[in-house]
PDB file of N, CA and C in Angstrom:
ATOM      1  N   MET A   1      18.843 -14.450  -2.557  1.00  0.00           N
ATOM      2  CA  MET A   1      20.013 -13.605  -2.710  1.00  0.00           C
ATOM      3  C   MET A   1      20.965 -13.874  -1.553  1.00  0.00           C
ATOM      4  N   THR A   2      22.235 -13.962  -1.883  1.00  0.00           N
ATOM      5  CA  THR A   2      23.249 -14.240  -0.865  1.00  0.00           C
ATOM      6  C   THR A   2      23.825 -12.930  -0.318  1.00  0.00           C
ATOM      7  N   ILE A   3      24.579 -13.045   0.762  1.00  0.00           N
ATOM      8  CA  ILE A   3      25.265 -11.893   1.343  1.00  0.00           C
ATOM      9  C   ILE A   3      26.236 -11.311   0.312  1.00  0.00           C
ATOM     10  N   GLU A   4      26.937 -12.161  -0.398  1.00  0.00           N
ATOM     11  CA  GLU A   4      27.891 -11.699  -1.414  1.00  0.00           C
ATOM     12  C   GLU A   4      27.175 -10.918  -2.513  1.00  0.00           C
ATOM     13  N   GLU A   5      25.995 -11.359  -2.917  1.00  0.00           N
ATOM     14  CA  GLU A   5      25.226 -10.648  -3.946  1.00  0.00           C
ATOM     15  C   GLU A   5      24.761  -9.281  -3.440  1.00  0.00           C
ATOM     16  N   ILE A   6      24.429  -9.199  -2.161  1.00  0.00           N
ATOM     17  CA  ILE A   6      24.049  -7.916  -1.567  1.00  0.00           C
ATOM     18  C   ILE A   6      25.257  -6.976  -1.567  1.00  0.00           C
ATOM     19  N   LYS A   7      26.422  -7.506  -1.232  1.00  0.00           N
ATOM     20  CA  LYS A   7      27.642  -6.689  -1.234  1.00  0.00           C
ATOM     21  C   LYS A   7      27.945  -6.184  -2.639  1.00  0.00           C
ATOM     22  N   ILE A   8      27.783  -7.016  -3.636  1.00  0.00           N
ATOM     23  CA  ILE A   8      28.011  -6.617  -5.026  1.00  0.00           C
ATOM     24  C   ILE A   8      27.037  -5.503  -5.417  1.00  0.00           C
ATOM     25  N   LYS A   9      25.816  -5.599  -4.962  1.00  0.00           N
ATOM     26  CA  LYS A   9      24.834  -4.554  -5.245  1.00  0.00           C
ATOM     27  C   LYS A   9      25.281  -3.224  -4.629  1.00  0.00           C
ATOM     28  N   LEU A  10      25.822  -3.254  -3.421  1.00  0.00           N
ATOM     29  CA  LEU A  10      26.344  -2.043  -2.795  1.00  0.00           C
ATOM     30  C   LEU A  10      27.554  -1.511  -3.563  1.00  0.00           C
ATOM     31  N   GLU A  11      28.428  -2.405  -3.982  1.00  0.00           N
ATOM     32  CA  GLU A  11      29.609  -1.985  -4.749  1.00  0.00           C
ATOM     33  C   GLU A  11      29.210  -1.329  -6.070  1.00  0.00           C
ATOM     34  N   ASP A  12      28.158  -1.823  -6.688  1.00  0.00           N
ATOM     35  CA  ASP A  12      27.654  -1.222  -7.926  1.00  0.00           C
ATOM     36  C   ASP A  12      27.058   0.163  -7.661  1.00  0.00           C
ATOM     37  N   ALA A  13      26.394   0.320  -6.524  1.00  0.00           N
ATOM     38  CA  ALA A  13      25.751   1.593  -6.185  1.00  0.00           C
ATOM     39  C   ALA A  13      26.757   2.649  -5.745  1.00  0.00           C
ATOM     40  N   PHE A  14      27.885   2.192  -5.177  1.00  0.00           N
ATOM     41  CA  PHE A  14      28.908   3.099  -4.650  1.00  0.00           C
ATOM     42  C   PHE A  14      30.273   2.730  -5.236  1.00  0.00           C
ATOM     43  N   PRO A  15      30.479   3.037  -6.519  1.00  0.00           N
ATOM     44  CA  PRO A  15      31.731   2.624  -7.182  1.00  0.00           C
ATOM     45  C   PRO A  15      32.955   3.237  -6.516  1.00  0.00           C
ATOM     46  N   GLY A  16      33.941   2.393  -6.310  1.00  0.00           N
ATOM     47  CA  GLY A  16      35.184   2.835  -5.691  1.00  0.00           C
ATOM     48  C   GLY A  16      35.153   2.861  -4.172  1.00  0.00           C
ATOM     49  N   ALA A  17      34.007   2.538  -3.590  1.00  0.00           N
ATOM     50  CA  ALA A  17      33.880   2.547  -2.134  1.00  0.00           C
ATOM     51  C   ALA A  17      34.557   1.327  -1.521  1.00  0.00           C
ATOM     52  N   THR A  18      34.953   1.484  -0.270  1.00  0.00           N
ATOM     53  CA  THR A  18      35.392   0.348   0.530  1.00  0.00           C
ATOM     54  C   THR A  18      34.179  -0.087   1.342  1.00  0.00           C
ATOM     55  N   ILE A  19      33.766  -1.329   1.151  1.00  0.00           N
ATOM     56  CA  ILE A  19      32.528  -1.811   1.765  1.00  0.00           C
ATOM     57  C   ILE A  19      32.804  -3.060   2.576  1.00  0.00           C
ATOM     58  N   GLU A  20      32.344  -3.024   3.805  1.00  0.00           N
ATOM     59  CA  GLU A  20      32.377  -4.204   4.676  1.00  0.00           C
ATOM     60  C   GLU A  20      30.923  -4.566   4.972  1.00  0.00           C
ATOM     61  N   LEU A  21      30.587  -5.819   4.784  1.00  0.00           N
ATOM     62  CA  LEU A  21      29.224  -6.286   5.052  1.00  0.00           C
ATOM     63  C   LEU A  21      29.323  -7.547   5.903  1.00  0.00           C
ATOM     64  N   ILE A  22      28.733  -7.496   7.084  1.00  0.00           N
ATOM     65  CA  ILE A  22      28.818  -8.603   8.034  1.00  0.00           C
ATOM     66  C   ILE A  22      27.422  -9.121   8.330  1.00  0.00           C
ATOM     67  N   ASN A  23      27.281 -10.427   8.279  1.00  0.00           N
ATOM     68  CA  ASN A  23      26.023 -11.075   8.639  1.00  0.00           C
ATOM     69  C   ASN A  23      26.010 -11.285  10.146  1.00  0.00           C
ATOM     70  N   THR A  24      25.119 -10.590  10.852  1.00  0.00           N
ATOM     71  CA  THR A  24      25.006 -10.725  12.310  1.00  0.00           C
ATOM     72  C   THR A  24      23.757 -11.500  12.706  1.00  0.00           C
ATOM     73  N   SER A  25      23.180 -12.221  11.772  1.00  0.00           N
ATOM     74  CA  SER A  25      21.929 -12.943  12.027  1.00  0.00           C
ATOM     75  C   SER A  25      22.035 -13.919  13.189  1.00  0.00           C
ATOM     76  N   SER A  26      23.199 -14.538  13.353  1.00  0.00           N
ATOM     77  CA  SER A  26      23.358 -15.532  14.420  1.00  0.00           C
ATOM     78  C   SER A  26      23.200 -14.911  15.806  1.00  0.00           C
ATOM     79  N   MET A  27      23.386 -13.603  15.917  1.00  0.00           N
ATOM     80  CA  MET A  27      23.243 -12.925  17.208  1.00  0.00           C
ATOM     81  C   MET A  27      21.777 -12.680  17.570  1.00  0.00           C
ATOM     82  N   HIS A  28      20.873 -12.978  16.626  1.00  0.00           N
ATOM     83  CA  HIS A  28      19.462 -12.662  16.815  1.00  0.00           C
ATOM     84  C   HIS A  28      18.572 -13.899  16.756  1.00  0.00           C
ATOM     85  N   VAL A  29      19.159 -15.053  16.897  1.00  0.00           N
ATOM     86  CA  VAL A  29      18.413 -16.300  16.860  1.00  0.00           C
ATOM     87  C   VAL A  29      17.446 -16.333  18.044  1.00  0.00           C
ATOM     88  N   GLY A  30      16.220 -16.736  17.776  1.00  0.00           N
ATOM     89  CA  GLY A  30      15.263 -16.905  18.859  1.00  0.00           C
ATOM     90  C   GLY A  30      14.242 -15.798  18.984  1.00  0.00           C
ATOM     91  N   HIS A  31      14.432 -14.680  18.297  1.00  0.00           N
ATOM     92  CA  HIS A  31      13.399 -13.657  18.434  1.00  0.00           C
ATOM     93  C   HIS A  31      12.383 -13.700  17.303  1.00  0.00           C
ATOM     94  N   GLY A  32      12.470 -14.705  16.467  1.00  0.00           N
ATOM     95  CA  GLY A  32      11.428 -14.996  15.489  1.00  0.00           C
ATOM     96  C   GLY A  32      11.459 -14.150  14.225  1.00  0.00           C
ATOM     97  N   ALA A  33      12.425 -13.295  14.063  1.00  0.00           N
ATOM     98  CA  ALA A  33      12.486 -12.471  12.860  1.00  0.00           C
ATOM     99  C   ALA A  33      12.987 -13.298  11.688  1.00  0.00           C
ATOM    100  N   LYS A  34      12.410 -13.060  10.537  1.00  0.00           N
ATOM    101  CA  LYS A  34      12.841 -13.745   9.328  1.00  0.00           C
ATOM    102  C   LYS A  34      13.649 -12.779   8.491  1.00  0.00           C
ATOM    103  N   GLY A  35      14.727 -13.250   7.938  1.00  0.00           N
ATOM    104  CA  GLY A  35      15.569 -12.417   7.087  1.00  0.00           C
ATOM    105  C   GLY A  35      16.913 -12.147   7.733  1.00  0.00           C
ATOM    106  N   TYR A  36      17.786 -11.578   6.928  1.00  0.00           N
ATOM    107  CA  TYR A  36      19.140 -11.277   7.380  1.00  0.00           C
ATOM    108  C   TYR A  36      19.173 -10.101   8.354  1.00  0.00           C
ATOM    109  N   HIS A  37      20.091 -10.174   9.287  1.00  0.00           N
ATOM    110  CA  HIS A  37      20.506  -9.032  10.109  1.00  0.00           C
ATOM    111  C   HIS A  37      21.923  -8.721   9.630  1.00  0.00           C
ATOM    112  N   LEU A  38      22.121  -7.524   9.094  1.00  0.00           N
ATOM    113  CA  LEU A  38      23.396  -7.174   8.499  1.00  0.00           C
ATOM    114  C   LEU A  38      23.951  -5.896   9.105  1.00  0.00           C
ATOM    115  N   LYS A  39      25.270  -5.799   9.066  1.00  0.00           N
ATOM    116  CA  LYS A  39      25.977  -4.605   9.524  1.00  0.00           C
ATOM    117  C   LYS A  39      26.920  -4.218   8.396  1.00  0.00           C
ATOM    118  N   THR A  40      26.832  -2.952   7.956  1.00  0.00           N
ATOM    119  CA  THR A  40      27.699  -2.515   6.873  1.00  0.00           C
ATOM    120  C   THR A  40      28.429  -1.231   7.240  1.00  0.00           C
ATOM    121  N   THR A  41      29.653  -1.159   6.775  1.00  0.00           N
ATOM    122  CA  THR A  41      30.452   0.058   6.853  1.00  0.00           C
ATOM    123  C   THR A  41      30.861   0.388   5.426  1.00  0.00           C
ATOM    124  N   ILE A  42      30.553   1.621   5.018  1.00  0.00           N
ATOM    125  CA  ILE A  42      30.849   2.039   3.649  1.00  0.00           C
ATOM    126  C   ILE A  42      31.652   3.332   3.699  1.00  0.00           C
ATOM    127  N   GLU A  43      32.858   3.274   3.161  1.00  0.00           N
ATOM    128  CA  GLU A  43      33.703   4.456   3.033  1.00  0.00           C
ATOM    129  C   GLU A  43      33.650   4.879   1.570  1.00  0.00           C
ATOM    130  N   TYR A  44      33.078   6.075   1.340  1.00  0.00           N
ATOM    131  CA  TYR A  44      32.797   6.486  -0.035  1.00  0.00           C
ATOM    132  C   TYR A  44      32.937   7.994  -0.169  1.00  0.00           C
ATOM    133  N   SER A  45      33.770   8.426  -1.082  1.00  0.00           N
ATOM    134  CA  SER A  45      33.998   9.865  -1.261  1.00  0.00           C
ATOM    135  C   SER A  45      32.744  10.581  -1.739  1.00  0.00           C
ATOM    136  N   GLY A  46      31.834   9.870  -2.359  1.00  0.00           N
ATOM    137  CA  GLY A  46      30.578  10.451  -2.826  1.00  0.00           C
ATOM    138  C   GLY A  46      29.659  10.904  -1.705  1.00  0.00           C
ATOM    139  N   PHE A  47      29.965  10.520  -0.479  1.00  0.00           N
ATOM    140  CA  PHE A  47      29.173  10.977   0.671  1.00  0.00           C
ATOM    141  C   PHE A  47      29.567  12.393   1.098  1.00  0.00           C
ATOM    142  N   ARG A  48      30.689  12.891   0.582  1.00  0.00           N
ATOM    143  CA  ARG A  48      31.188  14.217   0.980  1.00  0.00           C
ATOM    144  C   ARG A  48      30.117  15.278   0.720  1.00  0.00           C
ATOM    145  N   GLY A  49      29.873  16.104   1.728  1.00  0.00           N
ATOM    146  CA  GLY A  49      28.897  17.182   1.614  1.00  0.00           C
ATOM    147  C   GLY A  49      27.474  16.781   1.954  1.00  0.00           C
ATOM    148  N   LEU A  50      27.260  15.500   2.178  1.00  0.00           N
ATOM    149  CA  LEU A  50      25.922  15.018   2.529  1.00  0.00           C
ATOM    150  C   LEU A  50      25.813  14.828   4.037  1.00  0.00           C
ATOM    151  N   SER A  51      24.626  15.059   4.561  1.00  0.00           N
ATOM    152  CA  SER A  51      24.395  14.803   5.985  1.00  0.00           C
ATOM    153  C   SER A  51      24.396  13.292   6.221  1.00  0.00           C
ATOM    154  N   LEU A  52      24.536  12.910   7.461  1.00  0.00           N
ATOM    155  CA  LEU A  52      24.506  11.491   7.818  1.00  0.00           C
ATOM    156  C   LEU A  52      23.185  10.848   7.377  1.00  0.00           C
ATOM    157  N   ILE A  53      22.105  11.561   7.554  1.00  0.00           N
ATOM    158  CA  ILE A  53      20.795  11.034   7.144  1.00  0.00           C
ATOM    159  C   ILE A  53      20.758  10.821   5.638  1.00  0.00           C
ATOM    160  N   GLU A  54      21.282  11.783   4.880  1.00  0.00           N
ATOM    161  CA  GLU A  54      21.304  11.640   3.420  1.00  0.00           C
ATOM    162  C   GLU A  54      22.173  10.457   2.997  1.00  0.00           C
ATOM    163  N   GLN A  55      23.304  10.270   3.665  1.00  0.00           N
ATOM    164  CA  GLN A  55      24.180   9.137   3.365  1.00  0.00           C
ATOM    165  C   GLN A  55      23.448   7.820   3.608  1.00  0.00           C
ATOM    166  N   HIS A  56      22.790   7.713   4.745  1.00  0.00           N
ATOM    167  CA  HIS A  56      22.086   6.477   5.086  1.00  0.00           C
ATOM    168  C   HIS A  56      20.912   6.238   4.142  1.00  0.00           C
ATOM    169  N   ARG A  57      20.257   7.297   3.732  1.00  0.00           N
ATOM    170  CA  ARG A  57      19.148   7.142   2.779  1.00  0.00           C
ATOM    171  C   ARG A  57      19.638   6.593   1.448  1.00  0.00           C
ATOM    172  N   LEU A  58      20.834   7.004   1.024  1.00  0.00           N
ATOM    173  CA  LEU A  58      21.394   6.462  -0.219  1.00  0.00           C
ATOM    174  C   LEU A  58      21.636   4.962  -0.102  1.00  0.00           C
ATOM    175  N   VAL A  59      22.140   4.533   1.048  1.00  0.00           N
ATOM    176  CA  VAL A  59      22.367   3.101   1.266  1.00  0.00           C
ATOM    177  C   VAL A  59      21.032   2.366   1.278  1.00  0.00           C
ATOM    178  N   GLN A  60      20.053   2.914   1.977  1.00  0.00           N
ATOM    179  CA  GLN A  60      18.734   2.287   2.037  1.00  0.00           C
ATOM    180  C   GLN A  60      18.084   2.220   0.652  1.00  0.00           C
ATOM    181  N   LYS A  61      18.277   3.267  -0.146  1.00  0.00           N
ATOM    182  CA  LYS A  61      17.726   3.286  -1.503  1.00  0.00           C
ATOM    183  C   LYS A  61      18.367   2.197  -2.357  1.00  0.00           C
ATOM    184  N   ALA A  62      19.686   2.015  -2.203  1.00  0.00           N
ATOM    185  CA  ALA A  62      20.392   0.990  -2.982  1.00  0.00           C
ATOM    186  C   ALA A  62      19.885  -0.413  -2.665  1.00  0.00           C
ATOM    187  N   LEU A  63      19.427  -0.600  -1.423  1.00  0.00           N
ATOM    188  CA  LEU A  63      18.950  -1.929  -0.995  1.00  0.00           C
ATOM    189  C   LEU A  63      17.441  -1.946  -0.746  1.00  0.00           C
ATOM    190  N   LYS A  64      16.728  -1.054  -1.412  1.00  0.00           N
ATOM    191  CA  LYS A  64      15.282  -0.914  -1.180  1.00  0.00           C
ATOM    192  C   LYS A  64      14.534  -2.253  -1.286  1.00  0.00           C
ATOM    193  N   ASP A  65      14.757  -2.976  -2.372  1.00  0.00           N
ATOM    194  CA  ASP A  65      14.039  -4.245  -2.564  1.00  0.00           C
ATOM    195  C   ASP A  65      14.384  -5.253  -1.478  1.00  0.00           C
ATOM    196  N   GLU A  66      15.656  -5.317  -1.127  1.00  0.00           N
ATOM    197  CA  GLU A  66      16.097  -6.272  -0.108  1.00  0.00           C
ATOM    198  C   GLU A  66      15.562  -5.895   1.281  1.00  0.00           C
ATOM    199  N   LEU A  67      15.495  -4.589   1.571  1.00  0.00           N
ATOM    200  CA  LEU A  67      14.962  -4.146   2.865  1.00  0.00           C
ATOM    201  C   LEU A  67      13.466  -4.412   2.982  1.00  0.00           C
ATOM    202  N   ASN A  68      12.809  -4.545   1.849  1.00  0.00           N
ATOM    203  CA  ASN A  68      11.389  -4.905   1.847  1.00  0.00           C
ATOM    204  C   ASN A  68      11.191  -6.407   1.729  1.00  0.00           C
ATOM    205  N   GLY A  69      12.293  -7.159   1.861  1.00  0.00           N
ATOM    206  CA  GLY A  69      12.203  -8.604   1.688  1.00  0.00           C
ATOM    207  C   GLY A  69      13.166  -9.367   2.575  1.00  0.00           C
ATOM    208  N   ILE A  70      14.342  -9.695   2.041  1.00  0.00           N
ATOM    209  CA  ILE A  70      15.231 -10.630   2.723  1.00  0.00           C
ATOM    210  C   ILE A  70      16.079 -10.030   3.835  1.00  0.00           C
ATOM    211  N   ILE A  71      16.130  -8.694   3.915  1.00  0.00           N
ATOM    212  CA  ILE A  71      16.887  -8.068   5.007  1.00  0.00           C
ATOM    213  C   ILE A  71      15.904  -7.611   6.070  1.00  0.00           C
ATOM    214  N   HIS A  72      16.058  -8.156   7.271  1.00  0.00           N
ATOM    215  CA  HIS A  72      15.196  -7.778   8.399  1.00  0.00           C
ATOM    216  C   HIS A  72      15.724  -6.539   9.110  1.00  0.00           C
ATOM    217  N   ALA A  73      17.048  -6.454   9.253  1.00  0.00           N
ATOM    218  CA  ALA A  73      17.658  -5.325   9.960  1.00  0.00           C
ATOM    219  C   ALA A  73      18.992  -5.000   9.300  1.00  0.00           C
ATOM    220  N   LEU A  74      19.281  -3.685   9.224  1.00  0.00           N
ATOM    221  CA  LEU A  74      20.524  -3.242   8.615  1.00  0.00           C
ATOM    222  C   LEU A  74      21.111  -2.120   9.451  1.00  0.00           C
ATOM    223  N   SER A  75      22.302  -2.355   9.983  1.00  0.00           N
ATOM    224  CA  SER A  75      23.052  -1.343  10.706  1.00  0.00           C
ATOM    225  C   SER A  75      24.015  -0.703   9.714  1.00  0.00           C
ATOM    226  N   ILE A  76      23.997   0.633   9.633  1.00  0.00           N
ATOM    227  CA  ILE A  76      24.793   1.339   8.632  1.00  0.00           C
ATOM    228  C   ILE A  76      25.772   2.291   9.304  1.00  0.00           C
ATOM    229  N   LYS A  77      27.024   2.222   8.866  1.00  0.00           N
ATOM    230  CA  LYS A  77      28.038   3.211   9.251  1.00  0.00           C
ATOM    231  C   LYS A  77      28.630   3.719   7.958  1.00  0.00           C
ATOM    232  N   THR A  78      28.605   5.045   7.777  1.00  0.00           N
ATOM    233  CA  THR A  78      29.179   5.630   6.579  1.00  0.00           C
ATOM    234  C   THR A  78      30.367   6.503   6.953  1.00  0.00           C
ATOM    235  N   ILE A  79      31.350   6.515   6.069  1.00  0.00           N
ATOM    236  CA  ILE A  79      32.574   7.277   6.263  1.00  0.00           C
ATOM    237  C   ILE A  79      32.886   8.012   4.969  1.00  0.00           C
ATOM    238  N   VAL A  80      33.245   9.284   5.079  1.00  0.00           N
ATOM    239  CA  VAL A  80      33.618  10.065   3.890  1.00  0.00           C
ATOM    240  C   VAL A  80      35.107   9.903   3.662  1.00  0.00           C
TER     241      VAL A  80
END
């Protein structure tokens, strides 16, 4: 799965959201981790009324399979 395919998966999970997804893997070369290191910012009106933890859990749920596989680390910033 490519970074673009991961972004599309987020866009499908959060329709109408503004999503930025950055591959930061190059900053982690040498520590032996396998998989992508990603940083995402998601601005989504559907987060309104949810706690920060609930917002992040929704993002983690959307990428559950990838977080158990090709994504080693994911930094999440959510905006309502």
